[in-house]
Amino acid sequence: MTKKTKRQDPAQEPEMEKNPAQTAPDAAQAVEEPAAEAPKEPTAEEKLQAQLDELNDRYLRTLAEYDNYRKRTAKEKEAIYPEAKASTLASILPILDSLERALAVPCSDEEFKKGLELIHKSFDEVLQKHGVEAFGEVGDLFDPGMYAAVAHVDDEAAGENSVAEVFQKGYKMGDRILRYAMVKVAN
């Protein structure tokens, strides 16, 4: 007689695979294999989101740079006008000095002298209109921030650290010094 090999029922085979004692080594291998796999490639949606984030970041940085540029140029523009005004007024002060020297010289022609005085008056009015003030009188207290001391004299009649003589008047516009007064300081 021949022996028939008994085949296992296919329904019982999965139960055997599910048996933890038999499948433990297989399960450990199965857990290790996914860890050894290459990293998962990002999906198209993730790629688009990353690109959107990068572009949004660049946009915000560009916007901030433009805002800083706009503020900086506005500040520079505000500073240009007072600087140009002060520079222009300072450049015409030697003309006023020449006019004052011409008035100090004795003149026999009264009409000529009167014409020079009218020009000087007009010049002073324009400077006052722009907020320019003259400073540097004999007897003023010496301030190194406003005066340029070009000489020193010991004079008991003059006060301590005072202006004894003015060689050239100084001019200021607000807090800005257009020209320092050149003076002789006493004591």
Protein backbone atom coordinates (compact mmCIF):
# COMPACT_ATOMS: atom_id res chain seq x y z
CA MET A 1 0.00 0.00 0.00
CA THR A 2 1.09 3.32 -0.64
CA LYS A 3 1.10 5.95 1.91
CA LYS A 4 -0.62 9.07 1.19
CA THR A 5 0.91 12.17 2.47
CA LYS A 6 -1.47 14.19 4.25
CA ARG A 7 -1.57 17.74 3.15
CA GLN A 8 -2.29 20.40 5.57
CA ASP A 9 -5.36 22.37 5.20
CA PRO A 10 -4.57 25.75 3.66
CA ALA A 11 -6.77 27.41 6.23
CA GLN A 12 -4.45 26.22 8.96
CA GLU A 13 -1.27 27.54 7.35
CA PRO A 14 -1.96 31.21 8.03
CA GLU A 15 -2.55 30.37 11.64
CA MET A 16 0.86 28.89 11.85
CA GLU A 17 2.38 32.01 10.34
CA LYS A 18 0.60 34.07 12.88
CA ASN A 19 2.10 32.02 15.68
CA PRO A 20 4.57 34.39 17.43
CA ALA A 21 7.08 31.69 18.27
CA GLN A 22 7.48 30.69 14.68
CA THR A 23 7.43 34.17 13.11
CA ALA A 24 9.65 36.10 15.56
CA PRO A 25 12.80 35.97 13.44
CA ASP A 26 10.81 36.82 10.34
CA ALA A 27 9.16 39.77 12.11
CA ALA A 28 12.53 41.17 13.21
CA GLN A 29 13.76 41.02 9.64
CA ALA A 30 10.60 42.68 8.42
CA VAL A 31 11.07 45.57 10.89
CA GLU A 32 14.69 46.09 9.92
CA GLU A 33 14.08 46.16 6.20
CA PRO A 34 11.94 49.36 6.09
CA ALA A 35 14.57 51.22 8.14
CA ALA A 36 17.20 50.31 5.58
CA GLU A 37 15.11 51.68 2.73
CA ALA A 38 15.99 55.03 1.12
CA PRO A 39 14.15 58.10 2.46
CA LYS A 40 10.76 58.66 1.00
CA GLU A 41 10.75 61.12 -1.89
CA PRO A 42 8.63 64.23 -1.21
CA THR A 43 5.33 64.37 -2.95
CA ALA A 44 4.50 66.97 -5.56
CA GLU A 45 2.37 68.82 -3.02
CA GLU A 46 5.27 68.98 -0.54
CA LYS A 47 7.61 70.21 -3.27
CA LEU A 48 5.15 72.96 -4.23
CA GLN A 49 4.69 73.96 -0.59
CA ALA A 50 8.47 74.20 -0.10
CA GLN A 51 8.77 76.30 -3.26
CA LEU A 52 5.90 78.53 -2.09
CA ASP A 53 7.56 79.00 1.31
CA GLU A 54 10.88 79.92 -0.33
CA LEU A 55 9.26 82.43 -2.69
CA ASN A 56 7.21 83.92 0.13
CA ASP A 57 10.38 84.34 2.22
CA ARG A 58 12.17 86.04 -0.70
CA TYR A 59 9.16 88.30 -1.26
CA LEU A 60 9.07 89.36 2.39
CA ARG A 61 12.82 90.03 2.42
CA THR A 62 12.59 92.09 -0.77
CA LEU A 63 9.66 94.03 0.67
CA ALA A 64 11.63 94.77 3.86
CA GLU A 65 14.70 95.83 1.85
CA TYR A 66 12.58 98.17 -0.27
CA ASP A 67 10.96 99.67 2.82
CA ASN A 68 14.39 100.29 4.37
CA TYR A 69 15.61 101.82 1.08
CA ARG A 70 12.57 104.11 0.91
CA LYS A 71 13.06 105.29 4.50
CA ARG A 72 16.80 105.82 4.00
CA THR A 73 16.33 107.87 0.80
CA ALA A 74 13.59 109.95 2.42
CA LYS A 75 15.93 110.72 5.34
CA GLU A 76 18.76 111.59 2.93
CA LYS A 77 16.43 113.80 0.91
CA GLU A 78 15.41 115.66 4.07
CA ALA A 79 19.06 116.20 4.98
CA ILE A 80 20.08 117.47 1.54
CA TYR A 81 18.05 120.69 1.57
CA PRO A 82 19.36 122.14 4.86
CA GLU A 83 22.91 121.14 3.91
CA ALA A 84 22.64 122.75 0.47
CA LYS A 85 21.06 125.86 1.98
CA ALA A 86 23.80 126.19 4.61
CA SER A 87 26.52 125.62 2.02
CA THR A 88 25.08 128.26 -0.30
CA LEU A 89 24.68 130.83 2.44
CA ALA A 90 28.19 130.16 3.74
CA SER A 91 29.62 130.67 0.24
CA ILE A 92 28.17 134.22 -0.03
CA LEU A 93 29.40 135.39 3.38
CA PRO A 94 32.76 136.62 1.94
CA ILE A 95 30.77 138.96 -0.31
CA LEU A 96 29.07 140.40 2.77
CA ASP A 97 32.51 140.85 4.39
CA SER A 98 33.72 142.76 1.33
CA LEU A 99 30.63 144.93 1.40
CA GLU A 100 31.17 145.73 5.10
CA ARG A 101 34.83 146.62 4.43
CA ALA A 102 33.71 148.92 1.60
CA LEU A 103 31.30 150.66 3.98
CA ALA A 104 34.08 151.15 6.54
CA VAL A 105 36.27 153.08 4.08
CA PRO A 106 35.70 156.87 4.08
CA CYS A 107 33.91 157.99 0.92
CA SER A 108 33.31 161.54 -0.34
CA ASP A 109 30.37 160.53 -2.55
CA GLU A 110 27.32 160.32 -0.27
CA GLU A 111 25.09 158.81 -2.97
CA PHE A 112 27.57 155.98 -3.52
CA LYS A 113 27.81 155.31 0.23
CA LYS A 114 23.99 155.38 0.51
CA GLY A 115 23.75 152.82 -2.33
CA LEU A 116 26.21 150.51 -0.53
CA GLU A 117 24.21 150.83 2.70
CA LEU A 118 20.98 149.88 0.87
CA ILE A 119 22.69 146.83 -0.63
CA HIS A 120 24.02 145.86 2.81
CA LYS A 121 20.54 146.27 4.30
CA SER A 122 19.02 144.07 1.59
CA PHE A 123 21.73 141.48 2.17
CA ASP A 124 21.00 141.44 5.91
CA GLU A 125 17.26 141.06 5.27
CA VAL A 126 17.84 138.04 3.04
CA LEU A 127 20.06 136.43 5.68
CA GLN A 128 17.48 137.10 8.40
CA LYS A 129 14.76 135.64 6.18
CA HIS A 130 16.78 132.41 6.03
CA GLY A 131 17.39 132.40 9.78
CA VAL A 132 21.04 133.42 9.66
CA GLU A 133 22.35 135.31 12.68
CA ALA A 134 25.69 137.07 13.13
CA PHE A 135 27.67 136.54 16.33
CA GLY A 136 31.02 137.54 17.74
CA GLU A 137 31.06 140.85 19.55
CA VAL A 138 33.78 142.34 21.72
CA GLY A 139 33.16 141.37 25.34
CA ASP A 140 31.36 138.09 24.58
CA LEU A 141 32.44 135.06 26.56
CA PHE A 142 34.75 132.86 24.49
CA ASP A 143 33.11 129.60 23.36
CA PRO A 144 35.43 127.25 21.43
CA GLY A 145 32.38 125.74 19.71
CA MET A 146 31.58 129.08 18.05
CA TYR A 147 34.82 131.02 17.97
CA ALA A 148 38.21 130.41 16.40
CA ALA A 149 40.84 132.03 18.62
CA VAL A 150 43.64 133.26 16.37
CA ALA A 151 45.37 135.46 18.96
CA HIS A 152 45.67 135.83 22.72
CA VAL A 153 46.26 138.97 24.76
CA ASP A 154 46.78 139.60 28.48
CA ASP A 155 44.53 142.53 29.31
CA GLU A 156 43.42 143.25 32.88
CA ALA A 157 40.64 145.55 31.66
CA ALA A 158 39.00 142.73 29.67
CA GLY A 159 37.15 139.97 31.51
CA GLU A 160 38.46 136.45 32.03
CA ASN A 161 38.24 134.32 28.84
CA SER A 162 36.42 137.02 26.87
CA VAL A 163 36.62 138.25 23.29
CA ALA A 164 39.00 141.24 23.07
CA GLU A 165 38.84 141.85 19.32
CA VAL A 166 36.81 140.47 16.40
CA PHE A 167 38.67 139.94 13.13
CA GLN A 168 35.77 138.32 11.27
CA LYS A 169 32.15 137.88 12.36
CA GLY A 170 30.71 134.44 12.73
CA TYR A 171 27.35 133.32 11.35
CA LYS A 172 24.98 130.58 12.38
CA MET A 173 21.70 129.23 11.06
CA GLY A 174 19.74 127.71 13.91
CA ASP A 175 22.16 125.37 15.68
CA ARG A 176 24.42 125.01 12.63
CA ILE A 177 27.55 127.15 12.48
CA LEU A 178 28.02 128.52 8.95
CA ARG A 179 31.29 130.23 9.80
CA TYR A 180 33.23 130.49 13.05
CA ALA A 181 34.07 133.97 14.29
CA MET A 182 37.81 134.73 14.24
CA VAL A 183 38.69 136.53 17.46
CA LYS A 184 41.44 137.59 19.82
CA VAL A 185 40.89 136.19 23.32
CA ALA A 186 41.82 138.06 26.47
CA ASN A 187 43.49 136.50 29.54
